[in-house]
C-alpha atoms as a PDB file:
ATOM      1  CA  MET A   1     -94.280 -25.065  31.363  1.00  0.00           C
ATOM      2  CA  PRO A   2     -97.139 -27.560  31.835  1.00  0.00           C
ATOM      3  CA  GLU A   3    -100.554 -26.375  30.682  1.00  0.00           C
ATOM      4  CA  ASP A   4    -102.066 -26.752  34.139  1.00  0.00           C
ATOM      5  CA  LEU A   5     -99.647 -24.021  35.271  1.00  0.00           C
ATOM      6  CA  TYR A   6     -99.700 -21.630  32.301  1.00  0.00           C
ATOM      7  CA  ARG A   7    -103.496 -21.583  32.344  1.00  0.00           C
ATOM      8  CA  LYS A   8    -103.444 -20.162  35.876  1.00  0.00           C
ATOM      9  CA  PRO A   9    -104.058 -16.411  36.364  1.00  0.00           C
ATOM     10  CA  GLY A  10    -100.842 -14.435  36.233  1.00  0.00           C
ATOM     11  CA  ALA A  11     -98.365 -12.431  34.186  1.00  0.00           C
ATOM     12  CA  VAL A  12     -94.749 -12.815  33.112  1.00  0.00           C
ATOM     13  CA  LEU A  13     -93.131  -9.481  32.218  1.00  0.00           C
ATOM     14  CA  LEU A  14     -93.921  -6.085  33.708  1.00  0.00           C
ATOM     15  CA  SER A  15     -92.341  -4.243  30.763  1.00  0.00           C
ATOM     16  CA  GLY A  16     -92.662  -4.594  26.998  1.00  0.00           C
ATOM     17  CA  ILE A  17     -91.081  -7.472  25.100  1.00  0.00           C
ATOM     18  CA  ASN A  18     -88.752  -4.925  23.471  1.00  0.00           C
ATOM     19  CA  THR A  19     -86.870  -4.719  26.794  1.00  0.00           C
ATOM     20  CA  LEU A  20     -85.753  -8.335  26.322  1.00  0.00           C
ATOM     21  CA  ARG A  21     -82.353  -7.317  24.978  1.00  0.00           C
ATOM     22  CA  PRO A  22     -78.798  -6.954  26.330  1.00  0.00           C
ATOM     23  CA  ALA A  23     -78.875  -4.579  29.285  1.00  0.00           C
ATOM     24  CA  GLN A  24     -77.081  -3.853  32.549  1.00  0.00           C
ATOM     25  CA  VAL A  25     -80.057  -4.430  34.838  1.00  0.00           C
ATOM     26  CA  TYR A  26     -82.693  -7.143  35.309  1.00  0.00           C
ATOM     27  CA  ILE A  27     -85.504  -6.393  37.772  1.00  0.00           C
ATOM     28  CA  MET A  28     -87.137  -9.347  39.513  1.00  0.00           C
ATOM     29  CA  GLY A  29     -90.242  -9.135  41.680  1.00  0.00           C
ATOM     30  CA  LEU A  30     -91.770 -12.119  43.458  1.00  0.00           C
ATOM     31  CA  ASN A  31     -95.150 -12.707  41.792  1.00  0.00           C
ATOM     32  CA  PRO A  32     -98.088 -10.712  40.383  1.00  0.00           C
ATOM     33  CA  GLY A  33    -100.378  -9.339  43.065  1.00  0.00           C
ATOM     34  CA  GLY A  34    -104.140  -9.202  43.019  1.00  0.00           C
ATOM     35  CA  ASP A  35    -106.956 -11.654  43.502  1.00  0.00           C
ATOM     36  CA  PRO A  36    -106.919 -14.331  40.748  1.00  0.00           C
ATOM     37  CA  ALA A  37    -110.677 -14.654  41.187  1.00  0.00           C
ATOM     38  CA  THR A  38    -111.197 -11.072  40.019  1.00  0.00           C
ATOM     39  CA  ILE A  39    -108.189 -10.922  37.618  1.00  0.00           C
ATOM     40  CA  PRO A  40    -108.571 -14.332  35.971  1.00  0.00           C
ATOM     41  CA  ALA A  41    -106.562 -13.790  32.743  1.00  0.00           C
ATOM     42  CA  PRO A  42    -104.161 -16.757  32.351  1.00  0.00           C
ATOM     43  CA  LEU A  43    -100.454 -15.980  32.315  1.00  0.00           C
ATOM     44  CA  ILE A  44    -100.100 -17.479  28.820  1.00  0.00           C
ATOM     45  CA  ASP A  45    -102.272 -14.594  27.610  1.00  0.00           C
ATOM     46  CA  PHE A  46    -100.280 -11.953  29.477  1.00  0.00           C
ATOM     47  CA  ILE A  47     -96.658 -12.482  28.519  1.00  0.00           C
ATOM     48  CA  ALA A  48     -95.898  -8.741  28.400  1.00  0.00           C
ATOM     49  CA  PRO A  49     -97.641  -5.361  28.275  1.00  0.00           C
ATOM     50  CA  PRO A  50     -97.386  -3.326  25.048  1.00  0.00           C
ATOM     51  CA  ASN A  51     -93.934  -2.007  24.144  1.00  0.00           C
ATOM     52  CA  GLY A  52     -93.243   1.359  25.689  1.00  0.00           C
ATOM     53  CA  THR A  53     -95.466   0.664  28.702  1.00  0.00           C
ATOM     54  CA  SER A  54     -95.072  -0.867  32.131  1.00  0.00           C
ATOM     55  CA  ALA A  55     -97.404  -2.328  34.717  1.00  0.00           C
ATOM     56  CA  TYR A  56     -95.847   0.152  37.125  1.00  0.00           C
ATOM     57  CA  THR A  57     -96.894   3.194  35.108  1.00  0.00           C
ATOM     58  CA  HIS A  58     -99.727   2.073  32.807  1.00  0.00           C
ATOM     59  CA  GLU A  59    -101.999  -0.009  35.052  1.00  0.00           C
ATOM     60  CA  CYS A  60    -104.510   0.863  37.737  1.00  0.00           C
ATOM     61  CA  TRP A  61    -103.474  -0.703  41.034  1.00  0.00           C
ATOM     62  CA  GLN A  62    -106.111   1.076  43.099  1.00  0.00           C
ATOM     63  CA  PRO A  63    -107.367  -1.640  45.479  1.00  0.00           C
ATOM     64  CA  ARG A  64    -111.022  -0.574  45.393  1.00  0.00           C
ATOM     65  CA  CYS A  65    -111.308   0.160  41.676  1.00  0.00           C
ATOM     66  CA  GLU A  66    -114.204  -1.776  40.153  1.00  0.00           C
ATOM     67  CA  GLU A  67    -114.453   0.244  36.931  1.00  0.00           C
ATOM     68  CA  GLN A  68    -114.136  -1.325  33.528  1.00  0.00           C
ATOM     69  CA  GLN A  69    -110.589  -0.955  32.220  1.00  0.00           C
ATOM     70  CA  PRO A  70    -109.197   1.441  31.107  1.00  0.00           C
ATOM     71  CA  CYS A  71    -110.614   3.224  34.154  1.00  0.00           C
ATOM     72  CA  SER A  72    -110.731   6.838  35.266  1.00  0.00           C
ATOM     73  CA  HIS A  73    -107.429   6.388  37.131  1.00  0.00           C
ATOM     74  CA  LEU A  74    -105.637   6.349  33.773  1.00  0.00           C
ATOM     75  CA  SER A  75    -104.920   9.378  31.613  1.00  0.00           C
ATOM     76  CA  ALA A  76    -105.961   9.643  27.970  1.00  0.00           C
ATOM     77  CA  ASN A  77    -102.409   8.650  26.918  1.00  0.00           C
ATOM     78  CA  GLY A  78    -102.630   5.406  28.905  1.00  0.00           C
ATOM     79  CA  LEU A  79    -100.401   6.477  31.789  1.00  0.00           C
ATOM     80  CA  THR A  80    -101.626   5.981  35.321  1.00  0.00           C
ATOM     81  CA  ARG A  81    -102.468   9.387  36.745  1.00  0.00           C
ATOM     82  CA  VAL A  82     -99.720  10.512  39.100  1.00  0.00           C
ATOM     83  CA  ASP A  83    -102.203  11.065  41.910  1.00  0.00           C
ATOM     84  CA  CYS A  84    -103.475   7.493  41.436  1.00  0.00           C
ATOM     85  CA  LEU A  85    -100.150   5.666  41.628  1.00  0.00           C
ATOM     86  CA  VAL A  86     -99.926   3.457  44.714  1.00  0.00           C
ATOM     87  CA  ARG A  87     -96.780   3.430  46.854  1.00  0.00           C
ATOM     88  CA  HIS A  88     -95.329   0.378  45.086  1.00  0.00           C
ATOM     89  CA  GLN A  89     -95.635   2.096  41.713  1.00  0.00           C
ATOM     90  CA  ARG A  90     -94.209   5.413  42.948  1.00  0.00           C
ATOM     91  CA  ASN A  91     -91.221   3.685  44.491  1.00  0.00           C
ATOM     92  CA  MET A  92     -90.556   1.727  41.293  1.00  0.00           C
ATOM     93  CA  VAL A  93     -90.572   4.976  39.307  1.00  0.00           C
ATOM     94  CA  ALA A  94     -88.000   6.337  41.785  1.00  0.00           C
ATOM     95  CA  LEU A  95     -85.862   3.194  41.539  1.00  0.00           C
ATOM     96  CA  ALA A  96     -85.877   3.300  37.733  1.00  0.00           C
ATOM     97  CA  ALA A  97     -84.869   6.981  37.776  1.00  0.00           C
ATOM     98  CA  THR A  98     -81.931   6.100  40.031  1.00  0.00           C
ATOM     99  CA  LEU A  99     -80.761   3.747  37.277  1.00  0.00           C
ATOM    100  CA  GLY A 100     -81.262   6.393  34.575  1.00  0.00           C
ATOM    101  CA  GLU A 101     -84.293   4.565  33.228  1.00  0.00           C
ATOM    102  CA  THR A 102     -88.083   4.422  33.450  1.00  0.00           C
ATOM    103  CA  PRO A 103     -90.113   1.330  34.358  1.00  0.00           C
ATOM    104  CA  ALA A 104     -91.011   1.014  30.662  1.00  0.00           C
ATOM    105  CA  THR A 105     -87.345   0.812  29.576  1.00  0.00           C
ATOM    106  CA  LEU A 106     -86.128  -1.659  32.220  1.00  0.00           C
ATOM    107  CA  PHE A 107     -86.447  -5.405  31.744  1.00  0.00           C
ATOM    108  CA  SER A 108     -88.681  -6.505  34.592  1.00  0.00           C
ATOM    109  CA  ALA A 109     -90.167  -9.910  35.338  1.00  0.00           C
ATOM    110  CA  ASN A 110     -91.779 -11.743  38.214  1.00  0.00           C
ATOM    111  CA  ALA A 111     -89.779 -14.616  39.695  1.00  0.00           C
ATOM    112  CA  VAL A 112     -93.007 -16.622  39.796  1.00  0.00           C
ATOM    113  CA  PHE A 113     -95.647 -15.902  37.164  1.00  0.00           C
ATOM    114  CA  ALA A 114     -98.758 -16.965  39.106  1.00  0.00           C
ATOM    115  CA  ARG A 115    -101.049 -14.334  40.616  1.00  0.00           C
ATOM    116  CA  SER A 116    -102.022 -14.358  44.292  1.00  0.00           C
ATOM    117  CA  THR A 117    -103.146 -11.865  46.883  1.00  0.00           C
ATOM    118  CA  SER A 118    -100.063 -12.695  48.975  1.00  0.00           C
ATOM    119  CA  LYS A 119     -97.193 -15.171  49.181  1.00  0.00           C
ATOM    120  CA  ALA A 120     -99.059 -16.994  51.953  1.00  0.00           C
ATOM    121  CA  THR A 121    -102.114 -17.606  49.757  1.00  0.00           C
ATOM    122  CA  LEU A 122    -100.232 -18.723  46.642  1.00  0.00           C
ATOM    123  CA  LYS A 123    -100.784 -22.460  47.095  1.00  0.00           C
ATOM    124  CA  ALA A 124    -104.419 -22.111  48.152  1.00  0.00           C
ATOM    125  CA  GLN A 125    -105.197 -19.839  45.183  1.00  0.00           C
ATOM    126  CA  THR A 126    -103.174 -21.679  42.510  1.00  0.00           C
ATOM    127  CA  GLY A 127    -102.821 -25.261  43.738  1.00  0.00           C
ATOM    128  CA  PHE A 128     -99.019 -25.047  43.700  1.00  0.00           C
ATOM    129  CA  GLY A 129     -96.498 -23.801  46.255  1.00  0.00           C
ATOM    130  CA  MET A 130     -93.736 -21.230  45.780  1.00  0.00           C
ATOM    131  CA  TRP A 131     -90.968 -23.731  45.055  1.00  0.00           C
ATOM    132  CA  GLU A 132     -93.142 -25.687  42.628  1.00  0.00           C
ATOM    133  CA  TRP A 133     -93.800 -22.478  40.737  1.00  0.00           C
ATOM    134  CA  TRP A 134     -90.170 -21.387  40.899  1.00  0.00           C
ATOM    135  CA  ASN A 135     -88.971 -24.718  39.494  1.00  0.00           C
ATOM    136  CA  ALA A 136     -91.349 -24.233  36.552  1.00  0.00           C
ATOM    137  CA  CYS A 137     -90.465 -20.562  35.995  1.00  0.00           C
ATOM    138  CA  TRP A 138     -86.698 -20.693  36.536  1.00  0.00           C
ATOM    139  CA  PRO A 139     -85.909 -22.326  33.134  1.00  0.00           C
ATOM    140  CA  ILE A 140     -87.728 -19.408  31.475  1.00  0.00           C
ATOM    141  CA  HIS A 141     -85.647 -16.934  33.471  1.00  0.00           C
ATOM    142  CA  GLN A 142     -82.569 -18.809  32.311  1.00  0.00           C
ATOM    143  CA  HIS A 143     -83.533 -18.043  28.715  1.00  0.00           C
ATOM    144  CA  PHE A 144     -84.219 -14.401  29.601  1.00  0.00           C
ATOM    145  CA  LEU A 145     -80.875 -14.102  31.398  1.00  0.00           C
ATOM    146  CA  SER A 146     -79.020 -15.571  28.427  1.00  0.00           C
ATOM    147  CA  ILE A 147     -80.360 -12.670  26.333  1.00  0.00           C
ATOM    148  CA  VAL A 148     -80.194  -9.769  28.798  1.00  0.00           C
ATOM    149  CA  ARG A 149     -76.814 -10.792  30.328  1.00  0.00           C
ATOM    150  CA  PRO A 150     -77.211  -8.271  33.162  1.00  0.00           C
ATOM    151  CA  ARG A 151     -74.344  -7.083  35.344  1.00  0.00           C
ATOM    152  CA  LEU A 152     -76.914  -6.480  38.059  1.00  0.00           C
ATOM    153  CA  ILE A 153     -80.097  -8.308  39.080  1.00  0.00           C
ATOM    154  CA  ILE A 154     -82.211  -6.201  41.416  1.00  0.00           C
ATOM    155  CA  THR A 155     -84.736  -8.118  43.483  1.00  0.00           C
ATOM    156  CA  LEU A 156     -87.688  -6.355  45.080  1.00  0.00           C
ATOM    157  CA  GLY A 157     -87.122  -7.281  48.669  1.00  0.00           C
ATOM    158  CA  TYR A 158     -84.270  -9.232  50.246  1.00  0.00           C
ATOM    159  CA  GLY A 159     -86.141 -11.652  52.500  1.00  0.00           C
ATOM    160  CA  GLU A 160     -84.766 -15.168  52.340  1.00  0.00           C
ATOM    161  CA  SER A 161     -88.224 -16.731  52.056  1.00  0.00           C
ATOM    162  CA  SER A 162     -90.272 -13.771  50.858  1.00  0.00           C
ATOM    163  CA  SER A 163     -88.488 -12.470  47.755  1.00  0.00           C
ATOM    164  CA  ALA A 164     -86.655 -13.458  44.591  1.00  0.00           C
ATOM    165  CA  PHE A 165     -83.429 -12.756  46.513  1.00  0.00           C
ATOM    166  CA  GLY A 166     -83.715 -16.081  48.347  1.00  0.00           C
ATOM    167  CA  LEU A 167     -84.814 -17.978  45.236  1.00  0.00           C
ATOM    168  CA  LEU A 168     -81.802 -16.749  43.247  1.00  0.00           C
ATOM    169  CA  ARG A 169     -79.416 -17.407  46.134  1.00  0.00           C
ATOM    170  CA  ALA A 170     -80.521 -21.043  46.101  1.00  0.00           C
ATOM    171  CA  GLN A 171     -79.771 -21.281  42.367  1.00  0.00           C
ATOM    172  CA  ALA A 172     -76.302 -19.791  42.995  1.00  0.00           C
ATOM    173  CA  ASN A 173     -75.404 -22.459  45.601  1.00  0.00           C
ATOM    174  CA  SER A 174     -76.249 -20.204  48.552  1.00  0.00           C
ATOM    175  CA  PRO A 175     -73.412 -17.633  48.670  1.00  0.00           C
ATOM    176  CA  THR A 176     -73.295 -15.597  51.879  1.00  0.00           C
ATOM    177  CA  PRO A 177     -75.085 -12.243  51.445  1.00  0.00           C
ATOM    178  CA  THR A 178     -73.470  -9.012  52.637  1.00  0.00           C
ATOM    179  CA  GLN A 179     -74.808  -5.519  53.148  1.00  0.00           C
ATOM    180  CA  PHE A 180     -74.748  -3.554  49.913  1.00  0.00           C
ATOM    181  CA  VAL A 181     -75.513  -0.343  51.805  1.00  0.00           C
ATOM    182  CA  ASP A 182     -76.056   0.003  55.539  1.00  0.00           C
ATOM    183  CA  GLU A 183     -79.113   2.241  55.574  1.00  0.00           C
ATOM    184  CA  GLY A 184     -81.543   0.423  57.825  1.00  0.00           C
ATOM    185  CA  ARG A 185     -84.760  -0.664  56.156  1.00  0.00           C
ATOM    186  CA  ARG A 186     -83.973   1.517  53.123  1.00  0.00           C
ATOM    187  CA  GLY A 187     -80.628  -0.150  52.468  1.00  0.00           C
ATOM    188  CA  GLY A 188     -79.859  -3.324  50.557  1.00  0.00           C
ATOM    189  CA  TRP A 189     -78.157  -6.720  50.608  1.00  0.00           C
ATOM    190  CA  CYS A 190     -76.144  -8.413  47.890  1.00  0.00           C
ATOM    191  CA  PHE A 191     -74.212 -11.471  46.779  1.00  0.00           C
ATOM    192  CA  GLU A 192     -72.098 -12.378  43.780  1.00  0.00           C
ATOM    193  CA  ALA A 193     -73.619 -15.166  41.728  1.00  0.00           C
ATOM    194  CA  LYS A 194     -72.744 -17.628  39.038  1.00  0.00           C
ATOM    195  CA  LEU A 195     -76.102 -18.565  37.558  1.00  0.00           C
ATOM    196  CA  PRO A 196     -76.626 -21.295  34.973  1.00  0.00           C
ATOM    197  CA  THR A 197     -78.402 -19.887  31.919  1.00  0.00           C
ATOM    198  CA  ALA A 198     -79.801 -21.411  28.745  1.00  0.00           C
ATOM    199  CA  ASP A 199     -76.409 -21.106  27.040  1.00  0.00           C
ATOM    200  CA  GLY A 200     -73.802 -21.211  29.790  1.00  0.00           C
ATOM    201  CA  VAL A 201     -73.098 -19.413  33.049  1.00  0.00           C
ATOM    202  CA  LEU A 202     -73.756 -15.785  33.975  1.00  0.00           C
ATOM    203  CA  GLN A 203     -71.500 -14.011  36.456  1.00  0.00           C
ATOM    204  CA  THR A 204     -73.588 -11.235  37.980  1.00  0.00           C
ATOM    205  CA  SER A 205     -74.320  -9.259  41.146  1.00  0.00           C
ATOM    206  CA  VAL A 206     -77.663  -9.750  42.880  1.00  0.00           C
ATOM    207  CA  VAL A 207     -78.853  -6.816  44.988  1.00  0.00           C
ATOM    208  CA  GLY A 208     -81.989  -6.958  47.084  1.00  0.00           C
ATOM    209  CA  VAL A 209     -83.570  -3.549  47.609  1.00  0.00           C
ATOM    210  CA  PRO A 210     -86.374  -2.649  50.037  1.00  0.00           C
ATOM    211  CA  HIS A 211     -89.709  -3.946  48.834  1.00  0.00           C
ATOM    212  CA  PRO A 212     -91.377  -1.021  47.025  1.00  0.00           C
ATOM    213  CA  SER A 213     -94.720  -1.733  48.668  1.00  0.00           C
ATOM    214  CA  TYR A 214     -93.163  -0.451  51.879  1.00  0.00           C
ATOM    215  CA  PHE A 215     -90.032   1.624  51.249  1.00  0.00           C
ATOM    216  CA  ALA A 216     -88.286   3.626  48.552  1.00  0.00           C
ATOM    217  CA  PRO A 217     -84.531   3.006  48.221  1.00  0.00           C
ATOM    218  CA  GLY A 218     -82.650   5.271  50.603  1.00  0.00           C
ATOM    219  CA  PRO A 219     -80.352   8.047  49.318  1.00  0.00           C
ATOM    220  CA  LYS A 220     -77.186   6.043  50.004  1.00  0.00           C
ATOM    221  CA  LEU A 221     -78.593   2.998  48.227  1.00  0.00           C
ATOM    222  CA  SER A 222     -79.746   5.128  45.298  1.00  0.00           C
ATOM    223  CA  GLN A 223     -76.287   6.647  44.959  1.00  0.00           C
ATOM    224  CA  ARG A 224     -74.571   3.256  45.112  1.00  0.00           C
ATOM    225  CA  LEU A 225     -76.895   1.812  42.459  1.00  0.00           C
ATOM    226  CA  ALA A 226     -76.348   4.831  40.203  1.00  0.00           C
ATOM    227  CA  GLU A 227     -72.580   4.458  40.567  1.00  0.00           C
ATOM    228  CA  PHE A 228     -72.809   0.737  39.814  1.00  0.00           C
ATOM    229  CA  VAL A 229     -74.594   1.200  36.492  1.00  0.00           C
ATOM    230  CA  ARG A 230     -72.274   4.041  35.471  1.00  0.00           C
ATOM    231  CA  ALA A 231     -69.114   2.090  36.197  1.00  0.00           C
END
């Protein structure tokens, strides 16, 4: 990745580097949230949190927290206090449990590593648009995928232009998505994909689940995901 990109504020993995190993599931968000002006650490300095931790369970995401980190929203053992988890974090804990995991044991990465307050502000805050970032980050995902070899890639959200679901569909030559579970906003969409990796081609299923900032996976979706990983 060019230096003018990897020096931008951001993060790569949301779980420890020890999760970069063969596994059934690969979680892919869109990009790190937060204001890069107030969280200026460059992504090259934040490849992954410590092993055994996760951004979903060991970081303060309270929007008005201005305390020095680690702040009072974290427990003495480094975990985010349960009463201080935001909806996104709580829903990710629920999703991981559905898969028989915790956020700290699941391989989880952002599709795009640059930080922005929203998708709409990405170019203004970083100087590069979503597809420019994706083209720079995708080769790194190809290396990750060649190691993890997941049967299932779960994207946080299933919007064609607002989630990793659409980015991956483009890489898979745009297969037609179908409903994974018909459960309204708490259901999911999926497609079968052949994705080029660093060492060949990966045949995998891509499932877009409701974005955790808004919805937890519904009971039918949770059951279907649990059955998928047990099969």
